[in-house]
Amino acid sequence: MSRPGIADWRALGRDERGSTLLEFGLIAPTFLILLLGCANLGQMLYGKVLLNGAIEAAARSSSTETRDTTAADTMVRKIVGPILPGASYTISRFSYYDYTDVGRMEKFTDGNGNGTCDNGEPYINENGTGGWDNVRRSGQGGADDVVVYKVVAQYSPLFKIPLMPGQWQQITLTSQTVKKNQPFATQANYSTLTGNCP
């Protein structure tokens, strides 16, 4: 048996049989992951657009005198459901007297100047919950109240991406809007009850 000569090695180097299969084997998995990722990204972006539009419509419909929040929440699920099948929804509504109150804490006397109601400092229990906290009240509120309506949708994407299980197991989309209820009656003001912080 003779050793391969230089000509044999050159012939082997020019032989391209099977190179297409090798190239396909290297590129196909990357292309497939990219394709599945694009499909999931498209589902997420379209779901976010639908969720934003749905909560705007739902907030408008529940700001009327009838305040049918159940029908509004059902509308959100019906609009978003086909794009995010099997999604779970967390829906919250908090009402305020005015736009400037959104996120505001209840008024208190800050005796020690630390910005927190503590050490027996007196406060006005504006939302009637019995403790110093945000002035918000749970629910749709009443006439002329400002309502922050928030929907969080969690869903499993259409495709599971191999080698990246943590990133594509559960996706969370959040949307919120602020609307003012129609002035169908006299607006109720905050409570004037007082208390002391612990």
N, C-alpha and C. Protein backbone atom coordinates (compact mmCIF):
# COMPACT_ATOMS: atom_id res chain seq x y z
N MET A 1 0.85 -1.18 0.00
CA MET A 1 0.00 0.00 0.00
C MET A 1 0.89 1.23 0.00
N SER A 2 0.63 2.12 -0.95
CA SER A 2 1.49 3.30 -1.08
C SER A 2 0.89 4.47 -0.32
N ARG A 3 1.77 5.33 0.08
CA ARG A 3 1.33 6.55 0.78
C ARG A 3 0.74 7.52 -0.23
N PRO A 4 -0.29 8.33 0.20
CA PRO A 4 -0.87 9.27 -0.74
C PRO A 4 0.15 10.35 -1.11
N GLY A 5 0.16 10.67 -2.37
CA GLY A 5 1.09 11.69 -2.85
C GLY A 5 0.45 13.07 -2.84
N ILE A 6 1.25 14.04 -3.27
CA ILE A 6 0.78 15.42 -3.29
C ILE A 6 -0.43 15.57 -4.21
N ALA A 7 -0.44 14.88 -5.31
CA ALA A 7 -1.56 14.96 -6.26
C ALA A 7 -2.85 14.45 -5.62
N ASP A 8 -2.72 13.39 -4.81
CA ASP A 8 -3.91 12.85 -4.14
C ASP A 8 -4.49 13.87 -3.16
N TRP A 9 -3.62 14.54 -2.43
CA TRP A 9 -4.10 15.54 -1.46
C TRP A 9 -4.75 16.72 -2.18
N ARG A 10 -4.19 17.13 -3.32
CA ARG A 10 -4.77 18.22 -4.10
C ARG A 10 -6.15 17.81 -4.63
N ALA A 11 -6.28 16.63 -5.07
CA ALA A 11 -7.58 16.15 -5.58
C ALA A 11 -8.62 16.14 -4.46
N LEU A 12 -8.16 15.72 -3.27
CA LEU A 12 -9.07 15.70 -2.12
C LEU A 12 -9.50 17.12 -1.75
N GLY A 13 -8.59 18.06 -1.85
CA GLY A 13 -8.91 19.46 -1.53
C GLY A 13 -9.87 20.08 -2.51
N ARG A 14 -9.85 19.63 -3.76
CA ARG A 14 -10.77 20.17 -4.77
C ARG A 14 -12.12 19.46 -4.76
N ASP A 15 -12.23 18.37 -4.08
CA ASP A 15 -13.48 17.60 -4.05
C ASP A 15 -14.52 18.35 -3.21
N GLU A 16 -15.63 18.77 -3.81
CA GLU A 16 -16.68 19.56 -3.13
C GLU A 16 -17.93 18.75 -2.85
N ARG A 17 -17.89 17.46 -3.07
CA ARG A 17 -19.06 16.64 -2.78
C ARG A 17 -19.36 16.65 -1.28
N GLY A 18 -20.61 16.90 -0.93
CA GLY A 18 -21.02 16.90 0.47
C GLY A 18 -20.88 18.26 1.16
N SER A 19 -20.29 19.25 0.48
CA SER A 19 -20.11 20.57 1.12
C SER A 19 -21.46 21.26 1.34
N THR A 20 -22.40 21.06 0.45
CA THR A 20 -23.72 21.67 0.61
C THR A 20 -24.42 21.13 1.85
N LEU A 21 -24.28 19.85 2.08
CA LEU A 21 -24.88 19.24 3.27
C LEU A 21 -24.25 19.79 4.54
N LEU A 22 -22.96 19.97 4.54
CA LEU A 22 -22.25 20.53 5.69
C LEU A 22 -22.68 21.97 5.94
N GLU A 23 -22.79 22.78 4.89
CA GLU A 23 -23.22 24.17 5.03
C GLU A 23 -24.65 24.24 5.56
N PHE A 24 -25.51 23.39 5.02
CA PHE A 24 -26.90 23.36 5.50
C PHE A 24 -26.95 22.99 6.98
N GLY A 25 -26.15 22.02 7.38
CA GLY A 25 -26.13 21.58 8.78
C GLY A 25 -25.66 22.68 9.73
N LEU A 26 -24.80 23.55 9.25
CA LEU A 26 -24.32 24.65 10.09
C LEU A 26 -25.30 25.83 10.12
N ILE A 27 -25.95 26.11 9.01
CA ILE A 27 -26.80 27.29 8.91
C ILE A 27 -28.24 27.03 9.34
N ALA A 28 -28.77 25.86 9.07
CA ALA A 28 -30.19 25.56 9.32
C ALA A 28 -30.62 25.79 10.77
N PRO A 29 -29.88 25.29 11.78
CA PRO A 29 -30.34 25.53 13.17
C PRO A 29 -30.40 27.02 13.52
N THR A 30 -29.41 27.77 13.08
CA THR A 30 -29.42 29.22 13.35
C THR A 30 -30.60 29.89 12.67
N PHE A 31 -30.85 29.53 11.43
CA PHE A 31 -31.96 30.11 10.69
C PHE A 31 -33.30 29.74 11.34
N LEU A 32 -33.43 28.49 11.79
CA LEU A 32 -34.66 28.04 12.43
C LEU A 32 -34.91 28.79 13.73
N ILE A 33 -33.87 28.96 14.55
CA ILE A 33 -34.02 29.71 15.80
C ILE A 33 -34.41 31.15 15.51
N LEU A 34 -33.79 31.76 14.49
CA LEU A 34 -34.13 33.12 14.11
C LEU A 34 -35.57 33.22 13.63
N LEU A 35 -36.02 32.26 12.86
CA LEU A 35 -37.39 32.25 12.34
C LEU A 35 -38.41 32.12 13.48
N LEU A 36 -38.15 31.19 14.41
CA LEU A 36 -39.06 31.01 15.55
C LEU A 36 -39.07 32.24 16.44
N GLY A 37 -37.90 32.84 16.64
CA GLY A 37 -37.81 34.06 17.44
C GLY A 37 -38.60 35.21 16.82
N CYS A 38 -38.53 35.33 15.49
CA CYS A 38 -39.30 36.38 14.79
C CYS A 38 -40.80 36.15 14.95
N ALA A 39 -41.23 34.89 14.88
CA ALA A 39 -42.66 34.59 15.05
C ALA A 39 -43.11 34.96 16.46
N ASN A 40 -42.32 34.64 17.47
CA ASN A 40 -42.66 34.99 18.85
C ASN A 40 -42.66 36.50 19.06
N LEU A 41 -41.68 37.17 18.46
CA LEU A 41 -41.61 38.62 18.59
C LEU A 41 -42.82 39.27 17.92
N GLY A 42 -43.21 38.76 16.76
CA GLY A 42 -44.40 39.28 16.09
C GLY A 42 -45.65 39.09 16.92
N GLN A 43 -45.79 37.92 17.56
CA GLN A 43 -46.94 37.66 18.42
C GLN A 43 -46.94 38.64 19.60
N MET A 44 -45.77 38.86 20.18
CA MET A 44 -45.67 39.76 21.34
C MET A 44 -46.03 41.20 20.95
N LEU A 45 -45.49 41.69 19.84
CA LEU A 45 -45.76 43.07 19.42
C LEU A 45 -47.22 43.26 19.04
N TYR A 46 -47.78 42.31 18.30
CA TYR A 46 -49.19 42.42 17.91
C TYR A 46 -50.09 42.33 19.14
N GLY A 47 -49.74 41.44 20.08
CA GLY A 47 -50.50 41.33 21.32
C GLY A 47 -50.47 42.62 22.12
N LYS A 48 -49.31 43.28 22.16
CA LYS A 48 -49.17 44.55 22.90
C LYS A 48 -50.03 45.64 22.26
N VAL A 49 -50.02 45.71 20.93
CA VAL A 49 -50.84 46.70 20.23
C VAL A 49 -52.33 46.46 20.50
N LEU A 50 -52.76 45.21 20.41
CA LEU A 50 -54.16 44.89 20.68
C LEU A 50 -54.54 45.19 22.13
N LEU A 51 -53.63 44.86 23.07
CA LEU A 51 -53.89 45.11 24.48
C LEU A 51 -54.05 46.60 24.75
N ASN A 52 -53.16 47.42 24.16
CA ASN A 52 -53.26 48.87 24.34
C ASN A 52 -54.60 49.40 23.81
N GLY A 53 -54.98 48.97 22.62
CA GLY A 53 -56.25 49.42 22.06
C GLY A 53 -57.45 48.93 22.85
N ALA A 54 -57.36 47.68 23.31
CA ALA A 54 -58.49 47.09 24.04
C ALA A 54 -58.72 47.80 25.37
N ILE A 55 -57.65 48.13 26.10
CA ILE A 55 -57.89 48.77 27.40
C ILE A 55 -58.35 50.22 27.23
N GLU A 56 -57.95 50.87 26.14
CA GLU A 56 -58.47 52.22 25.87
C GLU A 56 -59.98 52.15 25.66
N ALA A 57 -60.43 51.21 24.83
CA ALA A 57 -61.87 51.06 24.56
C ALA A 57 -62.61 50.64 25.82
N ALA A 58 -62.03 49.72 26.59
CA ALA A 58 -62.69 49.24 27.82
C ALA A 58 -62.78 50.35 28.86
N ALA A 59 -61.73 51.15 28.98
CA ALA A 59 -61.74 52.24 29.96
C ALA A 59 -62.79 53.29 29.59
N ARG A 60 -62.91 53.58 28.30
CA ARG A 60 -63.93 54.54 27.85
C ARG A 60 -65.33 54.02 28.16
N SER A 61 -65.58 52.74 27.85
CA SER A 61 -66.93 52.20 28.05
C SER A 61 -67.29 52.09 29.53
N SER A 62 -66.29 51.87 30.40
CA SER A 62 -66.61 51.74 31.83
C SER A 62 -66.60 53.08 32.55
N SER A 63 -66.33 54.18 31.84
CA SER A 63 -66.33 55.49 32.50
C SER A 63 -67.71 56.15 32.44
N THR A 64 -68.69 55.46 31.89
CA THR A 64 -70.04 56.01 31.81
C THR A 64 -70.80 55.75 33.11
N GLU A 65 -72.02 56.22 33.16
CA GLU A 65 -72.81 56.07 34.39
C GLU A 65 -73.08 54.61 34.73
N THR A 66 -73.22 53.76 33.72
CA THR A 66 -73.50 52.34 33.99
C THR A 66 -72.29 51.64 34.61
N ARG A 67 -71.09 52.06 34.28
CA ARG A 67 -69.83 51.53 34.83
C ARG A 67 -69.80 50.00 34.84
N ASP A 68 -70.09 49.39 33.71
CA ASP A 68 -70.09 47.93 33.62
C ASP A 68 -68.65 47.43 33.42
N THR A 69 -67.94 47.27 34.53
CA THR A 69 -66.52 46.88 34.45
C THR A 69 -66.37 45.42 34.03
N THR A 70 -67.33 44.58 34.36
CA THR A 70 -67.25 43.17 33.95
C THR A 70 -67.30 43.05 32.44
N ALA A 71 -68.21 43.79 31.81
CA ALA A 71 -68.30 43.76 30.35
C ALA A 71 -67.03 44.34 29.72
N ALA A 72 -66.47 45.38 30.33
CA ALA A 72 -65.23 45.99 29.81
C ALA A 72 -64.07 45.00 29.88
N ASP A 73 -63.94 44.30 31.01
CA ASP A 73 -62.87 43.32 31.16
C ASP A 73 -63.05 42.15 30.18
N THR A 74 -64.28 41.75 29.98
CA THR A 74 -64.57 40.68 29.02
C THR A 74 -64.19 41.11 27.60
N MET A 75 -64.42 42.37 27.29
CA MET A 75 -64.06 42.89 25.97
C MET A 75 -62.55 42.81 25.76
N VAL A 76 -61.77 43.14 26.78
CA VAL A 76 -60.31 43.06 26.66
C VAL A 76 -59.89 41.63 26.37
N ARG A 77 -60.42 40.69 27.13
CA ARG A 77 -60.07 39.27 26.91
C ARG A 77 -60.48 38.79 25.52
N LYS A 78 -61.64 39.25 25.04
CA LYS A 78 -62.14 38.83 23.74
C LYS A 78 -61.27 39.38 22.60
N ILE A 79 -60.80 40.61 22.73
CA ILE A 79 -59.97 41.22 21.69
C ILE A 79 -58.58 40.60 21.66
N VAL A 80 -57.98 40.41 22.83
CA VAL A 80 -56.59 39.94 22.91
C VAL A 80 -56.49 38.42 22.83
N GLY A 81 -57.52 37.72 23.23
CA GLY A 81 -57.50 36.26 23.32
C GLY A 81 -57.03 35.50 22.09
N PRO A 82 -57.50 35.84 20.88
CA PRO A 82 -57.05 35.08 19.71
C PRO A 82 -55.55 35.18 19.42
N ILE A 83 -54.93 36.27 19.81
CA ILE A 83 -53.50 36.44 19.56
C ILE A 83 -52.67 35.85 20.69
N LEU A 84 -53.18 35.90 21.92
CA LEU A 84 -52.48 35.35 23.08
C LEU A 84 -53.32 34.22 23.68
N PRO A 85 -53.42 33.08 22.99
CA PRO A 85 -54.27 32.00 23.51
C PRO A 85 -53.77 31.48 24.85
N GLY A 86 -54.70 31.24 25.75
CA GLY A 86 -54.36 30.71 27.07
C GLY A 86 -53.76 31.72 28.02
N ALA A 87 -53.85 33.01 27.69
CA ALA A 87 -53.26 34.05 28.55
C ALA A 87 -54.07 34.18 29.83
N SER A 88 -53.36 34.53 30.91
CA SER A 88 -54.03 34.85 32.17
C SER A 88 -53.93 36.37 32.36
N TYR A 89 -54.97 36.96 32.94
CA TYR A 89 -55.06 38.41 33.05
C TYR A 89 -55.16 38.83 34.51
N THR A 90 -54.43 39.87 34.86
CA THR A 90 -54.56 40.52 36.16
C THR A 90 -55.03 41.94 35.87
N ILE A 91 -56.23 42.26 36.35
CA ILE A 91 -56.84 43.54 36.03
C ILE A 91 -57.05 44.33 37.32
N SER A 92 -56.66 45.61 37.28
CA SER A 92 -56.85 46.46 38.46
C SER A 92 -57.37 47.83 38.05
N ARG A 93 -58.17 48.40 38.92
CA ARG A 93 -58.69 49.76 38.75
C ARG A 93 -58.53 50.49 40.07
N PHE A 94 -57.99 51.70 39.99
CA PHE A 94 -57.88 52.54 41.18
C PHE A 94 -58.39 53.92 40.81
N SER A 95 -59.22 54.49 41.68
CA SER A 95 -59.81 55.80 41.39
C SER A 95 -59.22 56.87 42.30
N TYR A 96 -59.18 58.09 41.77
CA TYR A 96 -58.66 59.26 42.47
C TYR A 96 -59.64 60.42 42.26
N TYR A 97 -59.56 61.40 43.11
CA TYR A 97 -60.44 62.57 42.99
C TYR A 97 -60.06 63.42 41.78
N ASP A 98 -58.77 63.54 41.51
CA ASP A 98 -58.29 64.39 40.44
C ASP A 98 -57.01 63.81 39.84
N TYR A 99 -56.62 64.30 38.66
CA TYR A 99 -55.40 63.83 38.02
C TYR A 99 -54.16 64.07 38.89
N THR A 100 -54.14 65.17 39.60
CA THR A 100 -52.96 65.50 40.43
C THR A 100 -52.80 64.55 41.61
N ASP A 101 -53.85 63.80 41.93
CA ASP A 101 -53.78 62.86 43.06
C ASP A 101 -53.17 61.51 42.69
N VAL A 102 -53.03 61.22 41.42
CA VAL A 102 -52.53 59.91 41.00
C VAL A 102 -51.12 59.72 41.55
N GLY A 103 -50.96 58.69 42.37
CA GLY A 103 -49.67 58.38 42.99
C GLY A 103 -49.39 59.14 44.27
N ARG A 104 -50.26 60.05 44.69
CA ARG A 104 -50.02 60.87 45.89
C ARG A 104 -50.33 60.08 47.16
N MET A 105 -49.50 60.28 48.17
CA MET A 105 -49.75 59.69 49.48
C MET A 105 -50.70 60.58 50.27
N GLU A 106 -51.34 60.02 51.28
CA GLU A 106 -52.27 60.80 52.11
C GLU A 106 -51.51 61.89 52.86
N LYS A 107 -52.20 62.99 53.09
CA LYS A 107 -51.59 64.14 53.77
C LYS A 107 -51.29 63.78 55.22
N PHE A 108 -50.14 64.25 55.69
CA PHE A 108 -49.77 64.01 57.09
C PHE A 108 -48.86 65.12 57.56
N THR A 109 -48.68 65.20 58.86
CA THR A 109 -47.77 66.17 59.46
C THR A 109 -46.44 65.48 59.70
N ASP A 110 -45.43 65.92 58.96
CA ASP A 110 -44.10 65.28 59.02
C ASP A 110 -43.26 65.96 60.10
N GLY A 111 -43.51 65.57 61.35
CA GLY A 111 -42.82 66.19 62.49
C GLY A 111 -41.31 66.00 62.48
N ASN A 112 -40.84 64.84 62.07
CA ASN A 112 -39.39 64.58 62.10
C ASN A 112 -38.72 64.85 60.75
N GLY A 113 -39.48 65.24 59.73
CA GLY A 113 -38.91 65.65 58.45
C GLY A 113 -38.29 64.53 57.62
N ASN A 114 -38.69 63.26 57.84
CA ASN A 114 -38.09 62.16 57.07
C ASN A 114 -38.92 61.76 55.84
N GLY A 115 -40.05 62.43 55.59
CA GLY A 115 -40.86 62.14 54.40
C GLY A 115 -41.75 60.93 54.54
N THR A 116 -41.77 60.29 55.71
CA THR A 116 -42.60 59.11 55.96
C THR A 116 -43.44 59.34 57.20
N CYS A 117 -44.68 58.90 57.13
CA CYS A 117 -45.56 59.03 58.29
C CYS A 117 -45.22 57.93 59.29
N ASP A 118 -44.60 58.33 60.41
CA ASP A 118 -44.22 57.36 61.45
C ASP A 118 -44.15 58.06 62.81
N ASN A 119 -43.84 57.32 63.84
CA ASN A 119 -43.67 57.86 65.20
C ASN A 119 -44.89 58.64 65.69
N GLY A 120 -46.09 58.14 65.39
CA GLY A 120 -47.32 58.75 65.89
C GLY A 120 -47.72 60.04 65.20
N GLU A 121 -47.12 60.34 64.05
CA GLU A 121 -47.47 61.56 63.33
C GLU A 121 -48.92 61.47 62.83
N PRO A 122 -49.67 62.56 62.92
CA PRO A 122 -51.07 62.54 62.48
C PRO A 122 -51.18 62.60 60.96
N TYR A 123 -52.20 61.90 60.42
CA TYR A 123 -52.46 61.92 58.98
C TYR A 123 -53.97 61.96 58.74
N ILE A 124 -54.35 62.34 57.54
CA ILE A 124 -55.77 62.33 57.15
C ILE A 124 -56.00 61.06 56.34
N ASN A 125 -56.90 60.22 56.81
CA ASN A 125 -57.19 58.94 56.16
C ASN A 125 -58.13 59.18 54.98
N GLU A 126 -57.59 59.79 53.91
CA GLU A 126 -58.40 60.27 52.79
C GLU A 126 -59.14 59.16 52.05
N ASN A 127 -58.56 57.97 51.96
CA ASN A 127 -59.23 56.90 51.22
C ASN A 127 -60.03 55.96 52.13
N GLY A 128 -59.98 56.19 53.44
CA GLY A 128 -60.79 55.42 54.37
C GLY A 128 -60.34 54.00 54.62
N THR A 129 -59.07 53.68 54.33
CA THR A 129 -58.60 52.30 54.52
C THR A 129 -58.14 52.03 55.95
N GLY A 130 -57.95 53.05 56.75
CA GLY A 130 -57.54 52.83 58.13
C GLY A 130 -56.04 52.83 58.35
N GLY A 131 -55.27 53.18 57.35
CA GLY A 131 -53.81 53.27 57.49
C GLY A 131 -53.26 54.28 56.51
N TRP A 132 -52.07 54.82 56.79
CA TRP A 132 -51.47 55.82 55.91
C TRP A 132 -50.96 55.13 54.66
N ASP A 133 -51.46 55.54 53.51
CA ASP A 133 -51.03 54.95 52.24
C ASP A 133 -51.39 55.89 51.10
N ASN A 134 -51.36 55.37 49.89
CA ASN A 134 -51.72 56.12 48.70
C ASN A 134 -53.20 56.51 48.77
N VAL A 135 -53.56 57.67 48.23
CA VAL A 135 -54.95 58.14 48.32
C VAL A 135 -55.91 57.36 47.43
N ARG A 136 -55.40 56.45 46.64
CA ARG A 136 -56.25 55.72 45.70
C ARG A 136 -57.29 54.87 46.41
N ARG A 137 -58.41 54.69 45.71
CA ARG A 137 -59.46 53.80 46.18
C ARG A 137 -59.63 52.69 45.15
N SER A 138 -59.82 51.48 45.60
CA SER A 138 -59.99 50.36 44.67
C SER A 138 -61.30 50.47 43.93
N GLY A 139 -61.28 50.10 42.66
CA GLY A 139 -62.51 50.06 41.88
C GLY A 139 -62.63 51.21 40.90
N GLN A 140 -63.78 51.28 40.25
CA GLN A 140 -64.04 52.25 39.18
C GLN A 140 -64.32 53.65 39.71
N GLY A 141 -64.63 53.78 40.99
CA GLY A 141 -64.92 55.10 41.55
C GLY A 141 -66.29 55.59 41.14
N GLY A 142 -66.51 56.89 41.35
CA GLY A 142 -67.81 57.47 41.06
C GLY A 142 -67.72 58.55 40.00
N ALA A 143 -68.73 59.40 39.98
CA ALA A 143 -68.81 60.47 38.98
C ALA A 143 -67.61 61.39 39.06
N ASP A 144 -67.03 61.71 37.91
CA ASP A 144 -65.92 62.66 37.78
C ASP A 144 -64.61 62.15 38.37
N ASP A 145 -64.56 60.93 38.89
CA ASP A 145 -63.30 60.41 39.43
C ASP A 145 -62.35 60.05 38.30
N VAL A 146 -61.07 60.13 38.57
CA VAL A 146 -60.03 59.73 37.62
C VAL A 146 -59.68 58.28 37.93
N VAL A 147 -59.67 57.43 36.90
CA VAL A 147 -59.46 56.00 37.10
C VAL A 147 -58.20 55.55 36.34
N VAL A 148 -57.31 54.87 37.06
CA VAL A 148 -56.15 54.23 36.45
C VAL A 148 -56.52 52.77 36.24
N TYR A 149 -56.59 52.37 34.99
CA TYR A 149 -57.01 51.02 34.61
C TYR A 149 -55.79 50.30 34.06
N LYS A 150 -55.44 49.16 34.67
CA LYS A 150 -54.22 48.44 34.30
C LYS A 150 -54.54 46.97 34.05
N VAL A 151 -53.97 46.44 32.96
CA VAL A 151 -54.15 45.03 32.62
C VAL A 151 -52.76 44.42 32.40
N VAL A 152 -52.52 43.30 33.08
CA VAL A 152 -51.28 42.54 32.89
C VAL A 152 -51.68 41.19 32.31
N ALA A 153 -51.13 40.88 31.13
CA ALA A 153 -51.42 39.60 30.46
C ALA A 153 -50.17 38.75 30.44
N GLN A 154 -50.29 37.51 30.93
CA GLN A 154 -49.17 36.56 30.89
C GLN A 154 -49.56 35.40 29.99
N TYR A 155 -48.65 35.03 29.10
CA TYR A 155 -48.96 33.97 28.14
C TYR A 155 -47.71 33.19 27.78
N SER A 156 -47.91 32.00 27.24
CA SER A 156 -46.82 31.19 26.71
C SER A 156 -46.73 31.47 25.21
N PRO A 157 -45.53 31.72 24.69
CA PRO A 157 -45.41 32.03 23.26
C PRO A 157 -45.75 30.83 22.39
N LEU A 158 -45.96 31.10 21.12
CA LEU A 158 -46.32 30.05 20.17
C LEU A 158 -45.26 28.97 20.08
N PHE A 159 -44.00 29.37 20.06
CA PHE A 159 -42.91 28.42 19.87
C PHE A 159 -41.93 28.49 21.03
N LYS A 160 -41.46 27.34 21.45
CA LYS A 160 -40.40 27.26 22.45
C LYS A 160 -39.07 27.28 21.70
N ILE A 161 -38.20 28.19 22.06
CA ILE A 161 -36.92 28.32 21.38
C ILE A 161 -35.91 27.37 22.02
N PRO A 162 -35.33 26.47 21.24
CA PRO A 162 -34.33 25.58 21.81
C PRO A 162 -33.11 26.36 22.29
N LEU A 163 -32.50 25.86 23.32
CA LEU A 163 -31.30 26.42 23.93
C LEU A 163 -31.55 27.73 24.66
N MET A 164 -32.78 28.24 24.66
CA MET A 164 -33.12 29.46 25.40
C MET A 164 -34.43 29.27 26.15
N PRO A 165 -34.53 28.29 27.01
CA PRO A 165 -35.82 28.02 27.64
C PRO A 165 -36.27 29.12 28.60
N GLY A 166 -35.36 29.76 29.29
CA GLY A 166 -35.75 30.76 30.28
C GLY A 166 -36.35 32.00 29.67
N GLN A 167 -35.86 32.40 28.49
CA GLN A 167 -36.32 33.63 27.87
C GLN A 167 -37.70 33.51 27.23
N TRP A 168 -38.12 32.34 26.86
CA TRP A 168 -39.35 32.19 26.09
C TRP A 168 -40.36 31.25 26.74
N GLN A 169 -40.34 31.10 28.05
CA GLN A 169 -41.33 30.25 28.72
C GLN A 169 -42.63 31.01 28.98
N GLN A 170 -42.52 32.18 29.58
CA GLN A 170 -43.68 32.97 29.95
C GLN A 170 -43.38 34.43 29.63
N ILE A 171 -44.28 35.08 28.92
CA ILE A 171 -44.09 36.48 28.55
C ILE A 171 -45.18 37.31 29.21
N THR A 172 -44.80 38.46 29.73
CA THR A 172 -45.74 39.35 30.41
C THR A 172 -45.87 40.65 29.63
N LEU A 173 -47.09 41.02 29.31
CA LEU A 173 -47.38 42.30 28.66
C LEU A 173 -48.22 43.13 29.62
N THR A 174 -47.87 44.40 29.77
CA THR A 174 -48.59 45.30 30.67
C THR A 174 -49.04 46.54 29.91
N SER A 175 -50.25 46.96 30.18
CA SER A 175 -50.76 48.18 29.58
C SER A 175 -51.66 48.87 30.59
N GLN A 176 -51.60 50.19 30.61
CA GLN A 176 -52.50 50.92 31.50
C GLN A 176 -52.90 52.24 30.86
N THR A 177 -54.03 52.74 31.31
CA THR A 177 -54.54 54.01 30.81
C THR A 177 -55.21 54.75 31.95
N VAL A 178 -55.39 56.05 31.75
CA VAL A 178 -56.04 56.89 32.75
C VAL A 178 -57.22 57.57 32.07
N LYS A 179 -58.39 57.43 32.66
CA LYS A 179 -59.61 58.05 32.13
C LYS A 179 -60.37 58.72 33.27
N LYS A 180 -61.16 59.73 32.91
CA LYS A 180 -62.00 60.40 33.90
C LYS A 180 -63.44 59.98 33.68
N ASN A 181 -64.10 59.56 34.76
CA ASN A 181 -65.51 59.17 34.66
C ASN A 181 -66.37 60.36 34.25
N GLN A 182 -67.47 60.08 33.60
CA GLN A 182 -68.37 61.15 33.19
C GLN A 182 -69.04 61.77 34.41
N PRO A 183 -69.38 63.04 34.33
CA PRO A 183 -69.99 63.72 35.49
C PRO A 183 -71.49 63.46 35.57
N PHE A 184 -71.85 62.21 35.88
CA PHE A 184 -73.26 61.83 35.91
C PHE A 184 -73.91 62.10 37.26
N ALA A 185 -73.12 62.56 38.25
CA ALA A 185 -73.65 62.87 39.58
C ALA A 185 -72.66 63.80 40.27
N THR A 186 -72.93 64.13 41.52
CA THR A 186 -72.01 64.96 42.29
C THR A 186 -70.84 64.11 42.74
N GLN A 187 -69.63 64.58 42.51
CA GLN A 187 -68.43 63.82 42.86
C GLN A 187 -68.23 63.78 44.37
N ALA A 188 -67.95 62.60 44.89
CA ALA A 188 -67.68 62.43 46.32
C ALA A 188 -66.23 62.79 46.60
N ASN A 189 -66.01 63.57 47.64
CA ASN A 189 -64.65 63.98 48.00
C ASN A 189 -64.01 62.94 48.90
N TYR A 190 -62.73 63.15 49.22
CA TYR A 190 -62.01 62.24 50.10
C TYR A 190 -62.55 62.33 51.53
N SER A 191 -62.28 61.31 52.29
CA SER A 191 -62.65 61.27 53.70
C SER A 191 -61.82 62.29 54.49
N THR A 192 -62.36 62.77 55.58
CA THR A 192 -61.63 63.69 56.45
C THR A 192 -61.26 63.04 57.78
N LEU A 193 -61.43 61.70 57.87
CA LEU A 193 -61.05 60.99 59.08
C LEU A 193 -59.55 61.15 59.33
N THR A 194 -59.17 61.15 60.59
CA THR A 194 -57.75 61.29 60.91
C THR A 194 -57.26 60.06 61.66
N GLY A 195 -55.96 59.92 61.71
CA GLY A 195 -55.33 58.81 62.43
C GLY A 195 -53.90 59.17 62.76
N ASN A 196 -53.23 58.23 63.40
CA ASN A 196 -51.81 58.43 63.74
C ASN A 196 -51.01 57.25 63.22
N CYS A 197 -49.86 57.54 62.61
CA CYS A 197 -49.02 56.48 62.08
C CYS A 197 -48.29 55.76 63.21
N PRO A 198 -48.04 54.47 63.05
CA PRO A 198 -47.33 53.73 64.10
C PRO A 198 -45.88 54.15 64.20
